[in-house]
Amino acid sequence: MPGEPSFFSIGVCDAERGRAFYERLFGWPMQRERNGFSIATPGAPGGIHGGDPEASPYLFFRVDDIDAALERVRELGGSVEEVDHDDEDAETAARFGRFKLCRDDQGSWFGLHEPPA
Protein backbone atom coordinates (compact mmCIF):
# COMPACT_ATOMS: atom_id res chain seq x y z
CA MET A 1 0.00 0.00 0.00
CA PRO A 2 1.44 3.42 -0.89
CA GLY A 3 2.80 5.34 2.09
CA GLU A 4 3.46 2.34 4.32
CA PRO A 5 7.00 1.75 5.55
CA SER A 6 8.46 -0.78 3.12
CA PHE A 7 12.21 -0.85 3.74
CA PHE A 8 14.79 0.47 6.18
CA SER A 9 18.51 0.97 5.85
CA ILE A 10 20.96 1.47 8.67
CA GLY A 11 23.94 3.62 7.77
CA VAL A 12 27.14 2.85 9.65
CA CYS A 13 30.82 3.61 9.14
CA ASP A 14 31.78 -0.09 9.01
CA ALA A 15 29.19 -2.50 7.56
CA GLU A 16 30.82 -5.62 9.05
CA ARG A 17 30.79 -4.12 12.56
CA GLY A 18 27.17 -3.06 12.01
CA ARG A 19 26.27 -6.59 10.94
CA ALA A 20 27.88 -8.08 14.04
CA PHE A 21 26.14 -5.60 16.36
CA TYR A 22 22.59 -5.91 14.96
CA GLU A 23 22.85 -9.65 14.38
CA ARG A 24 23.73 -10.13 18.06
CA LEU A 25 21.22 -7.54 19.28
CA PHE A 26 18.15 -8.73 17.35
CA GLY A 27 19.14 -12.09 15.88
CA TRP A 28 18.41 -10.77 12.37
CA PRO A 29 19.54 -13.13 9.59
CA MET A 30 21.73 -11.21 7.14
CA GLN A 31 23.08 -11.85 3.68
CA ARG A 32 26.16 -10.23 2.17
CA GLU A 33 25.33 -7.74 -0.60
CA ARG A 34 27.50 -5.50 -2.77
CA ASN A 35 27.73 -2.58 -0.31
CA GLY A 36 26.74 -4.23 2.95
CA PHE A 37 24.10 -6.70 4.06
CA SER A 38 20.42 -7.36 3.47
CA ILE A 39 18.34 -8.02 6.57
CA ALA A 40 15.35 -10.34 6.88
CA THR A 41 13.03 -9.17 9.67
CA PRO A 42 9.50 -10.22 10.63
CA GLY A 43 8.31 -6.76 9.42
CA ALA A 44 9.79 -4.68 6.62
CA PRO A 45 13.01 -5.92 5.02
CA GLY A 46 16.13 -3.85 5.49
CA GLY A 47 19.80 -3.43 4.93
CA ILE A 48 23.03 -2.17 6.42
CA HIS A 49 25.30 0.00 4.30
CA GLY A 50 28.81 1.07 5.26
CA GLY A 51 30.68 4.27 4.56
CA ASP A 52 27.86 6.52 5.80
CA PRO A 53 29.57 9.51 7.43
CA GLU A 54 26.28 10.57 9.04
CA ALA A 55 25.73 7.02 10.36
CA SER A 56 21.99 7.49 9.91
CA PRO A 57 19.10 5.05 9.70
CA TYR A 58 16.72 5.74 6.83
CA LEU A 59 13.06 4.74 6.65
CA PHE A 60 11.70 4.22 3.14
CA PHE A 61 8.02 4.59 2.30
CA ARG A 62 6.42 2.61 -0.51
CA VAL A 63 5.28 4.38 -3.67
CA ASP A 64 3.85 2.91 -6.85
CA ASP A 65 5.61 5.40 -9.17
CA ILE A 66 8.85 6.79 -7.77
CA ASP A 67 9.28 9.40 -10.51
CA ALA A 68 5.82 10.89 -9.85
CA ALA A 69 6.44 10.80 -6.09
CA LEU A 70 9.77 12.63 -6.49
CA GLU A 71 8.03 15.34 -8.49
CA ARG A 72 5.43 15.67 -5.72
CA VAL A 73 8.18 15.96 -3.06
CA ARG A 74 9.65 18.92 -4.96
CA GLU A 75 6.21 20.52 -5.46
CA LEU A 76 5.63 20.38 -1.70
CA GLY A 77 8.92 22.16 -0.94
CA GLY A 78 11.03 19.09 -0.21
CA SER A 79 14.20 18.07 -1.98
CA VAL A 80 15.60 14.94 -3.57
CA GLU A 81 19.13 13.70 -3.01
CA GLU A 82 20.64 14.00 -6.45
CA VAL A 83 23.06 11.09 -5.98
CA ASP A 84 21.48 8.11 -7.72
CA HIS A 85 20.72 5.44 -5.12
CA ASP A 86 19.20 2.99 -7.59
CA ASP A 87 21.26 -0.18 -7.63
CA GLU A 88 23.54 -0.39 -10.66
CA ASP A 89 23.44 -4.18 -10.51
CA ALA A 90 20.32 -5.25 -12.45
CA GLU A 91 19.94 -8.43 -10.40
CA THR A 92 20.01 -6.51 -7.12
CA ALA A 93 17.60 -3.87 -8.45
CA ALA A 94 15.26 -6.63 -9.61
CA ARG A 95 15.28 -8.07 -6.08
CA PHE A 96 14.90 -4.83 -4.12
CA GLY A 97 13.41 -2.17 -6.45
CA ARG A 98 14.26 1.54 -6.72
CA PHE A 99 15.18 3.83 -3.83
CA LYS A 100 15.67 7.56 -3.47
CA LEU A 101 16.59 9.65 -0.42
CA CYS A 102 14.67 12.87 0.11
CA ARG A 103 14.27 15.67 2.65
CA ASP A 104 10.93 17.10 3.66
CA ASP A 105 10.25 20.85 3.65
CA GLN A 106 11.94 21.13 7.07
CA GLY A 107 15.08 19.21 6.13
CA SER A 108 14.29 15.82 7.70
CA TRP A 109 15.52 12.76 5.81
CA PHE A 110 13.20 10.04 4.52
CA GLY A 111 13.27 7.64 1.61
CA LEU A 112 10.97 6.55 -1.18
CA HIS A 113 10.89 2.95 -2.33
CA GLU A 114 9.28 1.56 -5.47
CA PRO A 115 9.25 -2.22 -5.02
CA PRO A 116 10.28 -4.39 -7.96
CA ALA A 117 7.60 -5.22 -10.51
C-alpha atoms as a PDB file:
ATOM      1  CA  MET A   1       0.000   0.000   0.000  1.00  0.00           C
ATOM      2  CA  PRO A   2       1.443   3.425  -0.893  1.00  0.00           C
ATOM      3  CA  GLY A   3       2.803   5.344   2.091  1.00  0.00           C
ATOM      4  CA  GLU A   4       3.458   2.337   4.318  1.00  0.00           C
ATOM      5  CA  PRO A   5       7.000   1.747   5.551  1.00  0.00           C
ATOM      6  CA  SER A   6       8.458  -0.783   3.124  1.00  0.00           C
ATOM      7  CA  PHE A   7      12.212  -0.853   3.741  1.00  0.00           C
ATOM      8  CA  PHE A   8      14.794   0.469   6.183  1.00  0.00           C
ATOM      9  CA  SER A   9      18.505   0.974   5.855  1.00  0.00           C
ATOM     10  CA  ILE A  10      20.964   1.467   8.668  1.00  0.00           C
ATOM     11  CA  GLY A  11      23.937   3.615   7.770  1.00  0.00           C
ATOM     12  CA  VAL A  12      27.135   2.854   9.647  1.00  0.00           C
ATOM     13  CA  CYS A  13      30.817   3.606   9.137  1.00  0.00           C
ATOM     14  CA  ASP A  14      31.782  -0.086   9.010  1.00  0.00           C
ATOM     15  CA  ALA A  15      29.188  -2.502   7.561  1.00  0.00           C
ATOM     16  CA  GLU A  16      30.820  -5.616   9.052  1.00  0.00           C
ATOM     17  CA  ARG A  17      30.792  -4.116  12.560  1.00  0.00           C
ATOM     18  CA  GLY A  18      27.171  -3.059  12.014  1.00  0.00           C
ATOM     19  CA  ARG A  19      26.273  -6.589  10.938  1.00  0.00           C
ATOM     20  CA  ALA A  20      27.880  -8.076  14.038  1.00  0.00           C
ATOM     21  CA  PHE A  21      26.135  -5.599  16.360  1.00  0.00           C
ATOM     22  CA  TYR A  22      22.593  -5.907  14.964  1.00  0.00           C
ATOM     23  CA  GLU A  23      22.852  -9.647  14.378  1.00  0.00           C
ATOM     24  CA  ARG A  24      23.734 -10.133  18.060  1.00  0.00           C
ATOM     25  CA  LEU A  25      21.224  -7.537  19.277  1.00  0.00           C
ATOM     26  CA  PHE A  26      18.146  -8.726  17.353  1.00  0.00           C
ATOM     27  CA  GLY A  27      19.140 -12.089  15.878  1.00  0.00           C
ATOM     28  CA  TRP A  28      18.414 -10.772  12.371  1.00  0.00           C
ATOM     29  CA  PRO A  29      19.539 -13.127   9.592  1.00  0.00           C
ATOM     30  CA  MET A  30      21.734 -11.210   7.143  1.00  0.00           C
ATOM     31  CA  GLN A  31      23.082 -11.852   3.684  1.00  0.00           C
ATOM     32  CA  ARG A  32      26.160 -10.228   2.169  1.00  0.00           C
ATOM     33  CA  GLU A  33      25.328  -7.739  -0.596  1.00  0.00           C
ATOM     34  CA  ARG A  34      27.502  -5.505  -2.770  1.00  0.00           C
ATOM     35  CA  ASN A  35      27.733  -2.575  -0.309  1.00  0.00           C
ATOM     36  CA  GLY A  36      26.742  -4.226   2.952  1.00  0.00           C
ATOM     37  CA  PHE A  37      24.103  -6.701   4.059  1.00  0.00           C
ATOM     38  CA  SER A  38      20.418  -7.361   3.466  1.00  0.00           C
ATOM     39  CA  ILE A  39      18.340  -8.021   6.574  1.00  0.00           C
ATOM     40  CA  ALA A  40      15.346 -10.341   6.882  1.00  0.00           C
ATOM     41  CA  THR A  41      13.034  -9.174   9.668  1.00  0.00           C
ATOM     42  CA  PRO A  42       9.498 -10.217  10.626  1.00  0.00           C
ATOM     43  CA  GLY A  43       8.312  -6.759   9.422  1.00  0.00           C
ATOM     44  CA  ALA A  44       9.794  -4.675   6.624  1.00  0.00           C
ATOM     45  CA  PRO A  45      13.012  -5.921   5.017  1.00  0.00           C
ATOM     46  CA  GLY A  46      16.130  -3.850   5.487  1.00  0.00           C
ATOM     47  CA  GLY A  47      19.797  -3.427   4.932  1.00  0.00           C
ATOM     48  CA  ILE A  48      23.033  -2.174   6.422  1.00  0.00           C
ATOM     49  CA  HIS A  49      25.301  -0.003   4.301  1.00  0.00           C
ATOM     50  CA  GLY A  50      28.811   1.072   5.260  1.00  0.00           C
ATOM     51  CA  GLY A  51      30.681   4.269   4.564  1.00  0.00           C
ATOM     52  CA  ASP A  52      27.864   6.523   5.799  1.00  0.00           C
ATOM     53  CA  PRO A  53      29.566   9.506   7.430  1.00  0.00           C
ATOM     54  CA  GLU A  54      26.282  10.570   9.038  1.00  0.00           C
ATOM     55  CA  ALA A  55      25.730   7.017  10.363  1.00  0.00           C
ATOM     56  CA  SER A  56      21.987   7.491   9.906  1.00  0.00           C
ATOM     57  CA  PRO A  57      19.101   5.049   9.700  1.00  0.00           C
ATOM     58  CA  TYR A  58      16.721   5.739   6.833  1.00  0.00           C
ATOM     59  CA  LEU A  59      13.064   4.743   6.652  1.00  0.00           C
ATOM     60  CA  PHE A  60      11.697   4.219   3.140  1.00  0.00           C
ATOM     61  CA  PHE A  61       8.017   4.595   2.296  1.00  0.00           C
ATOM     62  CA  ARG A  62       6.416   2.614  -0.506  1.00  0.00           C
ATOM     63  CA  VAL A  63       5.276   4.383  -3.668  1.00  0.00           C
ATOM     64  CA  ASP A  64       3.848   2.905  -6.851  1.00  0.00           C
ATOM     65  CA  ASP A  65       5.611   5.397  -9.170  1.00  0.00           C
ATOM     66  CA  ILE A  66       8.846   6.795  -7.771  1.00  0.00           C
ATOM     67  CA  ASP A  67       9.280   9.399 -10.512  1.00  0.00           C
ATOM     68  CA  ALA A  68       5.818  10.887  -9.853  1.00  0.00           C
ATOM     69  CA  ALA A  69       6.441  10.797  -6.095  1.00  0.00           C
ATOM     70  CA  LEU A  70       9.775  12.632  -6.489  1.00  0.00           C
ATOM     71  CA  GLU A  71       8.026  15.344  -8.494  1.00  0.00           C
ATOM     72  CA  ARG A  72       5.430  15.668  -5.723  1.00  0.00           C
ATOM     73  CA  VAL A  73       8.184  15.957  -3.061  1.00  0.00           C
ATOM     74  CA  ARG A  74       9.651  18.918  -4.958  1.00  0.00           C
ATOM     75  CA  GLU A  75       6.208  20.518  -5.465  1.00  0.00           C
ATOM     76  CA  LEU A  76       5.630  20.377  -1.703  1.00  0.00           C
ATOM     77  CA  GLY A  77       8.922  22.159  -0.937  1.00  0.00           C
ATOM     78  CA  GLY A  78      11.031  19.089  -0.214  1.00  0.00           C
ATOM     79  CA  SER A  79      14.196  18.070  -1.983  1.00  0.00           C
ATOM     80  CA  VAL A  80      15.598  14.945  -3.574  1.00  0.00           C
ATOM     81  CA  GLU A  81      19.128  13.698  -3.010  1.00  0.00           C
ATOM     82  CA  GLU A  82      20.645  13.996  -6.447  1.00  0.00           C
ATOM     83  CA  VAL A  83      23.058  11.086  -5.977  1.00  0.00           C
ATOM     84  CA  ASP A  84      21.481   8.106  -7.718  1.00  0.00           C
ATOM     85  CA  HIS A  85      20.720   5.437  -5.115  1.00  0.00           C
ATOM     86  CA  ASP A  86      19.205   2.994  -7.594  1.00  0.00           C
ATOM     87  CA  ASP A  87      21.263  -0.179  -7.630  1.00  0.00           C
ATOM     88  CA  GLU A  88      23.538  -0.390 -10.662  1.00  0.00           C
ATOM     89  CA  ASP A  89      23.441  -4.176 -10.507  1.00  0.00           C
ATOM     90  CA  ALA A  90      20.323  -5.249 -12.449  1.00  0.00           C
ATOM     91  CA  GLU A  91      19.936  -8.432 -10.401  1.00  0.00           C
ATOM     92  CA  THR A  92      20.009  -6.508  -7.120  1.00  0.00           C
ATOM     93  CA  ALA A  93      17.599  -3.867  -8.453  1.00  0.00           C
ATOM     94  CA  ALA A  94      15.260  -6.628  -9.605  1.00  0.00           C
ATOM     95  CA  ARG A  95      15.280  -8.072  -6.075  1.00  0.00           C
ATOM     96  CA  PHE A  96      14.896  -4.831  -4.119  1.00  0.00           C
ATOM     97  CA  GLY A  97      13.412  -2.172  -6.446  1.00  0.00           C
ATOM     98  CA  ARG A  98      14.257   1.536  -6.721  1.00  0.00           C
ATOM     99  CA  PHE A  99      15.176   3.832  -3.830  1.00  0.00           C
ATOM    100  CA  LYS A 100      15.671   7.565  -3.466  1.00  0.00           C
ATOM    101  CA  LEU A 101      16.587   9.647  -0.419  1.00  0.00           C
ATOM    102  CA  CYS A 102      14.671  12.874   0.114  1.00  0.00           C
ATOM    103  CA  ARG A 103      14.270  15.673   2.646  1.00  0.00           C
ATOM    104  CA  ASP A 104      10.933  17.096   3.660  1.00  0.00           C
ATOM    105  CA  ASP A 105      10.248  20.846   3.651  1.00  0.00           C
ATOM    106  CA  GLN A 106      11.936  21.132   7.072  1.00  0.00           C
ATOM    107  CA  GLY A 107      15.078  19.206   6.126  1.00  0.00           C
ATOM    108  CA  SER A 108      14.287  15.820   7.702  1.00  0.00           C
ATOM    109  CA  TRP A 109      15.523  12.759   5.806  1.00  0.00           C
ATOM    110  CA  PHE A 110      13.200  10.043   4.515  1.00  0.00           C
ATOM    111  CA  GLY A 111      13.274   7.638   1.612  1.00  0.00           C
ATOM    112  CA  LEU A 112      10.969   6.554  -1.175  1.00  0.00           C
ATOM    113  CA  HIS A 113      10.890   2.948  -2.334  1.00  0.00           C
ATOM    114  CA  GLU A 114       9.283   1.555  -5.474  1.00  0.00           C
ATOM    115  CA  PRO A 115       9.251  -2.224  -5.020  1.00  0.00           C
ATOM    116  CA  PRO A 116      10.282  -4.393  -7.958  1.00  0.00           C
ATOM    117  CA  ALA A 117       7.604  -5.219 -10.514  1.00  0.00           C
END
